[in-house]
Amino acid sequence: RSVDPASMLVPGATAVLEGLQRRGVNLYLASGTDETYVRDEAELLGVDHFFGSRIHGAVDDYRSFSKQQVIERIMQENRVDGESLVGFGDGYVEIDNVKSSGGIAVAVASDESGRSGKPDAWKRERLLGVGADVIVPDFSEADQLLAWLWREPGGEDAV
């Protein structure tokens, strides 16, 4: 039995990735899952081409991987500061990592089981508590979110 890969993604995720790519953003994927599995999952979901070789996951030496280390390495290798960083995530730790690096944190408080398009209240409060700049239930409003991030007309309605 096969499953449509799009049904496994947060609604609108592909539109956000496409919009970021159109804007010339270098996209990175970091996960706490073992790197080999992250790469396999990205391929199965059809999003690997957005990231290329910039997919990072856990490695055997757990001390050499954390999302914070990945963020710091990305910033150092690209000679950018936190003002050039936008992070998307649904977890407390990655939102905290993005904020402590000086970036903008877009937190996804999705209703994973019901896919209602409304934020999960518990997740929303937790992610706001760690400093998320904006909370989205999914990426169904991708154009408005990207306009907000780039301070374009129409973006003021995103938050």
N, C-alpha and C. Protein backbone atom coordinates (compact mmCIF):
# COMPACT_ATOMS: atom_id res chain seq x y z
N ARG A 1 0.85 -1.17 0.00
CA ARG A 1 0.00 0.00 0.00
C ARG A 1 0.90 1.23 0.00
N SER A 2 0.61 2.18 -0.87
CA SER A 2 1.42 3.39 -0.93
C SER A 2 0.63 4.59 -0.42
N VAL A 3 1.37 5.57 0.04
CA VAL A 3 0.79 6.79 0.59
C VAL A 3 1.32 7.97 -0.22
N ASP A 4 0.47 8.92 -0.51
CA ASP A 4 0.89 10.14 -1.20
C ASP A 4 1.83 10.90 -0.27
N PRO A 5 3.07 11.15 -0.70
CA PRO A 5 4.03 11.86 0.16
C PRO A 5 3.50 13.21 0.64
N ALA A 6 2.74 13.92 -0.16
CA ALA A 6 2.22 15.23 0.23
C ALA A 6 1.33 15.13 1.47
N SER A 7 0.68 13.98 1.65
CA SER A 7 -0.20 13.81 2.82
C SER A 7 0.60 13.68 4.11
N MET A 8 1.89 13.47 4.00
CA MET A 8 2.75 13.31 5.17
C MET A 8 3.44 14.63 5.56
N LEU A 9 3.29 15.65 4.72
CA LEU A 9 3.90 16.95 4.99
C LEU A 9 2.92 17.88 5.67
N VAL A 10 3.43 18.84 6.41
CA VAL A 10 2.58 19.90 6.95
C VAL A 10 1.96 20.61 5.75
N PRO A 11 0.64 20.83 5.75
CA PRO A 11 0.02 21.50 4.61
C PRO A 11 0.72 22.81 4.25
N GLY A 12 1.02 22.98 2.97
CA GLY A 12 1.68 24.19 2.48
C GLY A 12 3.20 24.17 2.57
N ALA A 13 3.79 23.11 3.12
CA ALA A 13 5.24 23.07 3.31
C ALA A 13 5.99 23.21 1.98
N THR A 14 5.52 22.55 0.95
CA THR A 14 6.19 22.64 -0.35
C THR A 14 6.12 24.07 -0.88
N ALA A 15 4.99 24.75 -0.70
CA ALA A 15 4.85 26.13 -1.16
C ALA A 15 5.84 27.05 -0.45
N VAL A 16 6.06 26.85 0.84
CA VAL A 16 7.04 27.66 1.58
C VAL A 16 8.44 27.38 1.05
N LEU A 17 8.78 26.11 0.87
CA LEU A 17 10.11 25.77 0.36
C LEU A 17 10.33 26.36 -1.03
N GLU A 18 9.32 26.28 -1.88
CA GLU A 18 9.43 26.86 -3.23
C GLU A 18 9.60 28.37 -3.16
N GLY A 19 8.84 29.02 -2.28
CA GLY A 19 8.93 30.47 -2.13
C GLY A 19 10.28 30.92 -1.61
N LEU A 20 10.83 30.17 -0.66
CA LEU A 20 12.15 30.48 -0.15
C LEU A 20 13.21 30.28 -1.23
N GLN A 21 13.08 29.20 -1.97
CA GLN A 21 14.02 28.91 -3.04
C GLN A 21 13.98 30.02 -4.11
N ARG A 22 12.78 30.47 -4.47
CA ARG A 22 12.64 31.56 -5.45
C ARG A 22 13.33 32.83 -4.98
N ARG A 23 13.38 33.03 -3.67
CA ARG A 23 14.01 34.21 -3.11
C ARG A 23 15.52 34.03 -2.94
N GLY A 24 16.04 32.91 -3.39
CA GLY A 24 17.48 32.68 -3.35
C GLY A 24 18.03 32.23 -2.01
N VAL A 25 17.17 31.72 -1.15
CA VAL A 25 17.58 31.28 0.18
C VAL A 25 18.24 29.91 0.09
N ASN A 26 19.38 29.76 0.76
CA ASN A 26 20.00 28.44 0.91
C ASN A 26 19.25 27.73 2.03
N LEU A 27 18.66 26.60 1.71
CA LEU A 27 17.84 25.87 2.66
C LEU A 27 18.63 24.73 3.29
N TYR A 28 18.49 24.57 4.60
CA TYR A 28 19.14 23.52 5.36
C TYR A 28 18.08 22.75 6.13
N LEU A 29 18.29 21.47 6.27
CA LEU A 29 17.40 20.62 7.04
C LEU A 29 18.21 20.00 8.17
N ALA A 30 17.76 20.20 9.40
CA ALA A 30 18.42 19.60 10.56
C ALA A 30 17.38 18.83 11.36
N SER A 31 17.72 17.61 11.72
CA SER A 31 16.82 16.76 12.48
C SER A 31 17.60 15.97 13.52
N GLY A 32 16.93 15.63 14.60
CA GLY A 32 17.54 14.79 15.61
C GLY A 32 17.53 13.32 15.24
N THR A 33 16.89 12.98 14.14
CA THR A 33 16.86 11.61 13.63
C THR A 33 18.21 11.30 12.99
N ASP A 34 18.62 10.03 12.99
CA ASP A 34 19.89 9.66 12.36
C ASP A 34 19.95 10.18 10.94
N GLU A 35 21.10 10.73 10.57
CA GLU A 35 21.24 11.41 9.29
C GLU A 35 20.85 10.55 8.09
N THR A 36 21.23 9.30 8.09
CA THR A 36 20.89 8.44 6.96
C THR A 36 19.37 8.34 6.77
N TYR A 37 18.64 8.28 7.89
CA TYR A 37 17.18 8.20 7.82
C TYR A 37 16.57 9.54 7.41
N VAL A 38 17.17 10.64 7.86
CA VAL A 38 16.67 11.96 7.47
C VAL A 38 16.77 12.12 5.96
N ARG A 39 17.90 11.72 5.41
CA ARG A 39 18.10 11.81 3.96
C ARG A 39 17.07 10.93 3.22
N ASP A 40 16.88 9.71 3.71
CA ASP A 40 15.90 8.81 3.09
C ASP A 40 14.48 9.41 3.16
N GLU A 41 14.12 9.94 4.32
CA GLU A 41 12.79 10.51 4.49
C GLU A 41 12.58 11.72 3.58
N ALA A 42 13.60 12.57 3.49
CA ALA A 42 13.50 13.75 2.62
C ALA A 42 13.28 13.32 1.17
N GLU A 43 13.97 12.28 0.77
CA GLU A 43 13.81 11.77 -0.60
C GLU A 43 12.41 11.19 -0.80
N LEU A 44 11.95 10.37 0.14
CA LEU A 44 10.62 9.77 0.03
C LEU A 44 9.52 10.83 0.02
N LEU A 45 9.73 11.91 0.76
CA LEU A 45 8.74 12.98 0.81
C LEU A 45 8.84 13.93 -0.38
N GLY A 46 9.90 13.77 -1.18
CA GLY A 46 10.06 14.60 -2.36
C GLY A 46 10.54 16.00 -2.09
N VAL A 47 11.23 16.20 -0.97
CA VAL A 47 11.74 17.54 -0.64
C VAL A 47 13.27 17.61 -0.63
N ASP A 48 13.93 16.51 -0.89
CA ASP A 48 15.39 16.49 -0.82
C ASP A 48 16.04 17.47 -1.78
N HIS A 49 15.43 17.70 -2.94
CA HIS A 49 16.03 18.61 -3.93
C HIS A 49 16.09 20.05 -3.44
N PHE A 50 15.29 20.42 -2.46
CA PHE A 50 15.36 21.77 -1.91
C PHE A 50 16.64 21.98 -1.09
N PHE A 51 17.16 20.90 -0.53
CA PHE A 51 18.28 20.99 0.40
C PHE A 51 19.61 20.50 -0.18
N GLY A 52 19.58 19.62 -1.15
CA GLY A 52 20.83 19.08 -1.70
C GLY A 52 21.64 18.40 -0.62
N SER A 53 22.88 18.77 -0.50
CA SER A 53 23.77 18.17 0.51
C SER A 53 23.61 18.82 1.89
N ARG A 54 22.71 19.78 2.02
CA ARG A 54 22.56 20.53 3.27
C ARG A 54 21.51 19.89 4.19
N ILE A 55 21.57 18.57 4.30
CA ILE A 55 20.70 17.82 5.21
C ILE A 55 21.56 17.27 6.33
N HIS A 56 21.17 17.58 7.56
CA HIS A 56 21.96 17.19 8.72
C HIS A 56 21.09 16.41 9.70
N GLY A 57 21.66 15.35 10.24
CA GLY A 57 20.96 14.56 11.23
C GLY A 57 21.93 14.06 12.27
N ALA A 58 21.41 13.31 13.20
CA ALA A 58 22.24 12.77 14.28
C ALA A 58 23.28 11.81 13.71
N VAL A 59 24.43 11.81 14.35
CA VAL A 59 25.53 10.94 13.96
C VAL A 59 25.90 10.04 15.14
N ASP A 60 26.71 9.02 14.87
CA ASP A 60 27.08 8.06 15.92
C ASP A 60 27.69 8.75 17.14
N ASP A 61 28.55 9.73 16.90
CA ASP A 61 29.15 10.48 18.00
C ASP A 61 28.18 11.61 18.37
N TYR A 62 27.29 11.33 19.32
CA TYR A 62 26.22 12.27 19.65
C TYR A 62 26.74 13.63 20.10
N ARG A 63 27.99 13.68 20.59
CA ARG A 63 28.53 14.97 21.04
C ARG A 63 28.87 15.89 19.88
N SER A 64 28.96 15.34 18.66
CA SER A 64 29.31 16.17 17.52
C SER A 64 28.08 16.66 16.75
N PHE A 65 26.88 16.38 17.27
CA PHE A 65 25.67 16.85 16.60
C PHE A 65 24.68 17.41 17.60
N SER A 66 24.27 18.61 17.32
CA SER A 66 23.09 19.20 17.95
C SER A 66 22.59 20.23 16.95
N LYS A 67 21.33 20.58 17.05
CA LYS A 67 20.81 21.58 16.12
C LYS A 67 21.54 22.91 16.32
N GLN A 68 21.90 23.21 17.56
CA GLN A 68 22.65 24.45 17.81
C GLN A 68 24.00 24.40 17.09
N GLN A 69 24.68 23.26 17.13
CA GLN A 69 25.96 23.14 16.43
C GLN A 69 25.77 23.30 14.92
N VAL A 70 24.69 22.75 14.38
CA VAL A 70 24.42 22.89 12.95
C VAL A 70 24.19 24.37 12.61
N ILE A 71 23.38 25.07 13.40
CA ILE A 71 23.13 26.49 13.17
C ILE A 71 24.43 27.27 13.20
N GLU A 72 25.25 27.04 14.21
CA GLU A 72 26.52 27.76 14.33
C GLU A 72 27.43 27.48 13.14
N ARG A 73 27.49 26.23 12.70
CA ARG A 73 28.33 25.87 11.55
C ARG A 73 27.82 26.53 10.27
N ILE A 74 26.52 26.54 10.07
CA ILE A 74 25.93 27.18 8.88
C ILE A 74 26.29 28.66 8.87
N MET A 75 26.12 29.32 10.00
CA MET A 75 26.41 30.75 10.07
C MET A 75 27.88 31.02 9.84
N GLN A 76 28.75 30.19 10.42
CA GLN A 76 30.19 30.39 10.26
C GLN A 76 30.63 30.12 8.81
N GLU A 77 30.18 29.02 8.24
CA GLU A 77 30.60 28.66 6.88
C GLU A 77 30.10 29.67 5.84
N ASN A 78 28.95 30.29 6.10
CA ASN A 78 28.38 31.24 5.16
C ASN A 78 28.68 32.69 5.52
N ARG A 79 29.43 32.86 6.60
CA ARG A 79 29.81 34.20 7.07
C ARG A 79 28.59 35.11 7.21
N VAL A 80 27.58 34.61 7.91
CA VAL A 80 26.38 35.40 8.15
C VAL A 80 26.13 35.48 9.65
N ASP A 81 25.41 36.52 10.02
CA ASP A 81 25.04 36.64 11.43
C ASP A 81 23.58 36.20 11.61
N GLY A 82 23.14 36.25 12.85
CA GLY A 82 21.80 35.77 13.16
C GLY A 82 20.69 36.52 12.46
N GLU A 83 20.94 37.77 12.08
CA GLU A 83 19.90 38.54 11.39
C GLU A 83 19.55 37.94 10.04
N SER A 84 20.41 37.09 9.50
CA SER A 84 20.17 36.44 8.20
C SER A 84 19.55 35.06 8.36
N LEU A 85 19.26 34.67 9.59
CA LEU A 85 18.76 33.32 9.88
C LEU A 85 17.26 33.33 10.13
N VAL A 86 16.56 32.45 9.45
CA VAL A 86 15.16 32.19 9.74
C VAL A 86 15.06 30.69 9.96
N GLY A 87 14.52 30.30 11.08
CA GLY A 87 14.36 28.89 11.39
C GLY A 87 12.88 28.53 11.51
N PHE A 88 12.55 27.35 11.00
CA PHE A 88 11.19 26.83 11.07
C PHE A 88 11.24 25.56 11.89
N GLY A 89 10.36 25.42 12.85
CA GLY A 89 10.36 24.20 13.63
C GLY A 89 9.14 24.07 14.50
N ASP A 90 8.96 22.86 15.01
CA ASP A 90 7.82 22.62 15.89
C ASP A 90 8.25 22.24 17.29
N GLY A 91 9.54 22.32 17.55
CA GLY A 91 10.05 21.92 18.85
C GLY A 91 10.63 23.07 19.65
N TYR A 92 10.51 22.94 20.95
CA TYR A 92 11.00 23.93 21.90
C TYR A 92 12.48 24.21 21.71
N VAL A 93 13.27 23.14 21.56
CA VAL A 93 14.73 23.29 21.48
C VAL A 93 15.16 24.06 20.24
N GLU A 94 14.63 23.69 19.05
CA GLU A 94 15.09 24.39 17.85
C GLU A 94 14.64 25.84 17.82
N ILE A 95 13.46 26.14 18.35
CA ILE A 95 13.02 27.53 18.42
C ILE A 95 13.95 28.31 19.34
N ASP A 96 14.29 27.72 20.47
CA ASP A 96 15.24 28.35 21.39
C ASP A 96 16.60 28.53 20.73
N ASN A 97 17.08 27.53 19.98
CA ASN A 97 18.37 27.62 19.29
C ASN A 97 18.39 28.77 18.28
N VAL A 98 17.33 28.89 17.50
CA VAL A 98 17.25 29.97 16.49
C VAL A 98 17.26 31.33 17.19
N LYS A 99 16.46 31.47 18.24
CA LYS A 99 16.39 32.75 18.95
C LYS A 99 17.73 33.09 19.61
N SER A 100 18.39 32.12 20.22
CA SER A 100 19.67 32.40 20.87
C SER A 100 20.77 32.72 19.88
N SER A 101 20.54 32.36 18.60
CA SER A 101 21.50 32.69 17.54
C SER A 101 21.18 34.04 16.88
N GLY A 102 20.11 34.68 17.34
CA GLY A 102 19.74 35.99 16.80
C GLY A 102 18.81 35.94 15.62
N GLY A 103 18.25 34.76 15.31
CA GLY A 103 17.40 34.61 14.14
C GLY A 103 15.93 34.82 14.42
N ILE A 104 15.16 34.76 13.35
CA ILE A 104 13.70 34.81 13.43
C ILE A 104 13.21 33.37 13.50
N ALA A 105 12.34 33.10 14.47
CA ALA A 105 11.84 31.74 14.66
C ALA A 105 10.37 31.66 14.28
N VAL A 106 10.10 30.84 13.26
CA VAL A 106 8.74 30.56 12.83
C VAL A 106 8.37 29.20 13.42
N ALA A 107 7.45 29.22 14.36
CA ALA A 107 7.08 27.99 15.06
C ALA A 107 5.80 27.41 14.47
N VAL A 108 5.82 26.11 14.28
CA VAL A 108 4.69 25.39 13.72
C VAL A 108 4.00 24.63 14.86
N ALA A 109 2.83 25.11 15.23
CA ALA A 109 2.04 24.47 16.28
C ALA A 109 0.88 23.74 15.62
N SER A 110 1.21 22.73 14.84
CA SER A 110 0.20 22.07 14.03
C SER A 110 -0.66 21.10 14.83
N ASP A 111 -1.88 20.97 14.35
CA ASP A 111 -2.82 19.97 14.85
C ASP A 111 -2.56 18.73 14.00
N GLU A 112 -1.59 17.93 14.42
CA GLU A 112 -1.13 16.82 13.59
C GLU A 112 -2.19 15.75 13.37
N SER A 113 -2.94 15.43 14.39
CA SER A 113 -3.91 14.35 14.23
C SER A 113 -5.17 14.81 13.51
N GLY A 114 -5.68 15.99 13.83
CA GLY A 114 -6.91 16.45 13.22
C GLY A 114 -6.73 17.22 11.93
N ARG A 115 -5.51 17.76 11.72
CA ARG A 115 -5.21 18.59 10.53
C ARG A 115 -6.33 19.61 10.31
N SER A 116 -6.68 20.31 11.40
CA SER A 116 -7.80 21.25 11.38
C SER A 116 -7.44 22.60 10.77
N GLY A 117 -6.15 22.89 10.63
CA GLY A 117 -5.75 24.21 10.17
C GLY A 117 -5.71 25.23 11.29
N LYS A 118 -5.95 24.76 12.51
CA LYS A 118 -5.90 25.63 13.68
C LYS A 118 -4.70 25.20 14.54
N PRO A 119 -4.08 26.15 15.23
CA PRO A 119 -2.92 25.78 16.05
C PRO A 119 -3.32 24.93 17.26
N ASP A 120 -2.44 24.02 17.61
CA ASP A 120 -2.60 23.25 18.83
C ASP A 120 -2.29 24.21 19.99
N ALA A 121 -3.25 24.42 20.87
CA ALA A 121 -3.12 25.43 21.94
C ALA A 121 -1.93 25.16 22.85
N TRP A 122 -1.71 23.92 23.25
CA TRP A 122 -0.60 23.60 24.15
C TRP A 122 0.73 23.90 23.47
N LYS A 123 0.89 23.45 22.22
CA LYS A 123 2.13 23.71 21.49
C LYS A 123 2.34 25.21 21.31
N ARG A 124 1.27 25.91 20.97
CA ARG A 124 1.36 27.35 20.73
C ARG A 124 1.92 28.07 21.96
N GLU A 125 1.36 27.80 23.13
CA GLU A 125 1.81 28.47 24.36
C GLU A 125 3.26 28.12 24.69
N ARG A 126 3.61 26.87 24.50
CA ARG A 126 4.98 26.42 24.78
C ARG A 126 5.98 27.11 23.86
N LEU A 127 5.66 27.22 22.57
CA LEU A 127 6.57 27.82 21.60
C LEU A 127 6.63 29.33 21.76
N LEU A 128 5.53 29.96 22.12
CA LEU A 128 5.57 31.39 22.43
C LEU A 128 6.44 31.64 23.66
N GLY A 129 6.34 30.73 24.63
CA GLY A 129 7.10 30.87 25.86
C GLY A 129 8.61 30.84 25.65
N VAL A 130 9.07 30.18 24.61
CA VAL A 130 10.51 30.11 24.35
C VAL A 130 10.95 31.23 23.40
N GLY A 131 9.99 32.03 22.91
CA GLY A 131 10.37 33.22 22.15
C GLY A 131 10.08 33.20 20.67
N ALA A 132 9.22 32.29 20.20
CA ALA A 132 8.88 32.26 18.78
C ALA A 132 8.38 33.63 18.32
N ASP A 133 8.82 34.04 17.14
CA ASP A 133 8.40 35.32 16.59
C ASP A 133 7.01 35.26 15.97
N VAL A 134 6.68 34.13 15.42
CA VAL A 134 5.36 33.94 14.82
C VAL A 134 5.00 32.46 14.96
N ILE A 135 3.71 32.21 15.17
CA ILE A 135 3.21 30.84 15.29
C ILE A 135 2.27 30.60 14.12
N VAL A 136 2.46 29.49 13.42
CA VAL A 136 1.55 29.10 12.35
C VAL A 136 1.04 27.69 12.64
N PRO A 137 -0.22 27.41 12.25
CA PRO A 137 -0.74 26.06 12.43
C PRO A 137 -0.24 25.13 11.32
N ASP A 138 0.06 25.71 10.18
CA ASP A 138 0.58 25.00 9.02
C ASP A 138 1.07 26.08 8.05
N PHE A 139 1.33 25.73 6.81
CA PHE A 139 1.84 26.70 5.85
C PHE A 139 0.82 27.01 4.75
N SER A 140 -0.46 26.88 5.08
CA SER A 140 -1.50 27.14 4.09
C SER A 140 -1.52 28.61 3.67
N GLU A 141 -0.95 29.48 4.48
CA GLU A 141 -0.85 30.92 4.16
C GLU A 141 0.60 31.25 3.81
N ALA A 142 1.23 30.40 3.02
CA ALA A 142 2.65 30.53 2.70
C ALA A 142 3.00 31.89 2.11
N ASP A 143 2.20 32.37 1.18
CA ASP A 143 2.51 33.66 0.54
C ASP A 143 2.53 34.80 1.55
N GLN A 144 1.56 34.81 2.46
CA GLN A 144 1.52 35.87 3.47
C GLN A 144 2.68 35.74 4.45
N LEU A 145 3.02 34.53 4.83
CA LEU A 145 4.14 34.32 5.74
C LEU A 145 5.44 34.81 5.11
N LEU A 146 5.67 34.45 3.86
CA LEU A 146 6.89 34.89 3.18
C LEU A 146 6.91 36.40 2.99
N ALA A 147 5.76 36.99 2.68
CA ALA A 147 5.68 38.45 2.56
C ALA A 147 6.01 39.11 3.90
N TRP A 148 5.56 38.52 5.01
CA TRP A 148 5.87 39.05 6.34
C TRP A 148 7.37 38.97 6.61
N LEU A 149 7.96 37.82 6.29
CA LEU A 149 9.39 37.65 6.53
C LEU A 149 10.23 38.65 5.72
N TRP A 150 9.78 38.95 4.51
CA TRP A 150 10.52 39.88 3.64
C TRP A 150 9.99 41.30 3.73
N ARG A 151 9.06 41.53 4.66
CA ARG A 151 8.46 42.86 4.86
C ARG A 151 7.89 43.42 3.57
N GLU A 152 7.18 42.56 2.85
CA GLU A 152 6.54 42.94 1.60
C GLU A 152 5.09 43.31 1.86
N PRO A 153 4.47 44.05 0.94
CA PRO A 153 3.05 44.35 1.10
C PRO A 153 2.23 43.06 1.23
N GLY A 154 1.28 43.09 2.12
CA GLY A 154 0.44 41.92 2.37
C GLY A 154 0.94 41.06 3.50
N GLY A 155 2.18 41.26 3.90
CA GLY A 155 2.76 40.45 4.96
C GLY A 155 2.27 40.80 6.34
N GLU A 156 1.74 42.01 6.49
CA GLU A 156 1.27 42.42 7.82
C GLU A 156 0.07 41.59 8.27
N ASP A 157 -0.61 40.95 7.33
CA ASP A 157 -1.77 40.11 7.69
C ASP A 157 -1.36 38.73 8.18
N ALA A 158 -0.08 38.41 8.08
CA ALA A 158 0.37 37.06 8.44
C ALA A 158 0.46 36.86 9.95
N VAL A 159 0.63 37.94 10.69
CA VAL A 159 0.80 37.77 12.13
C VAL A 159 -0.31 38.43 12.91
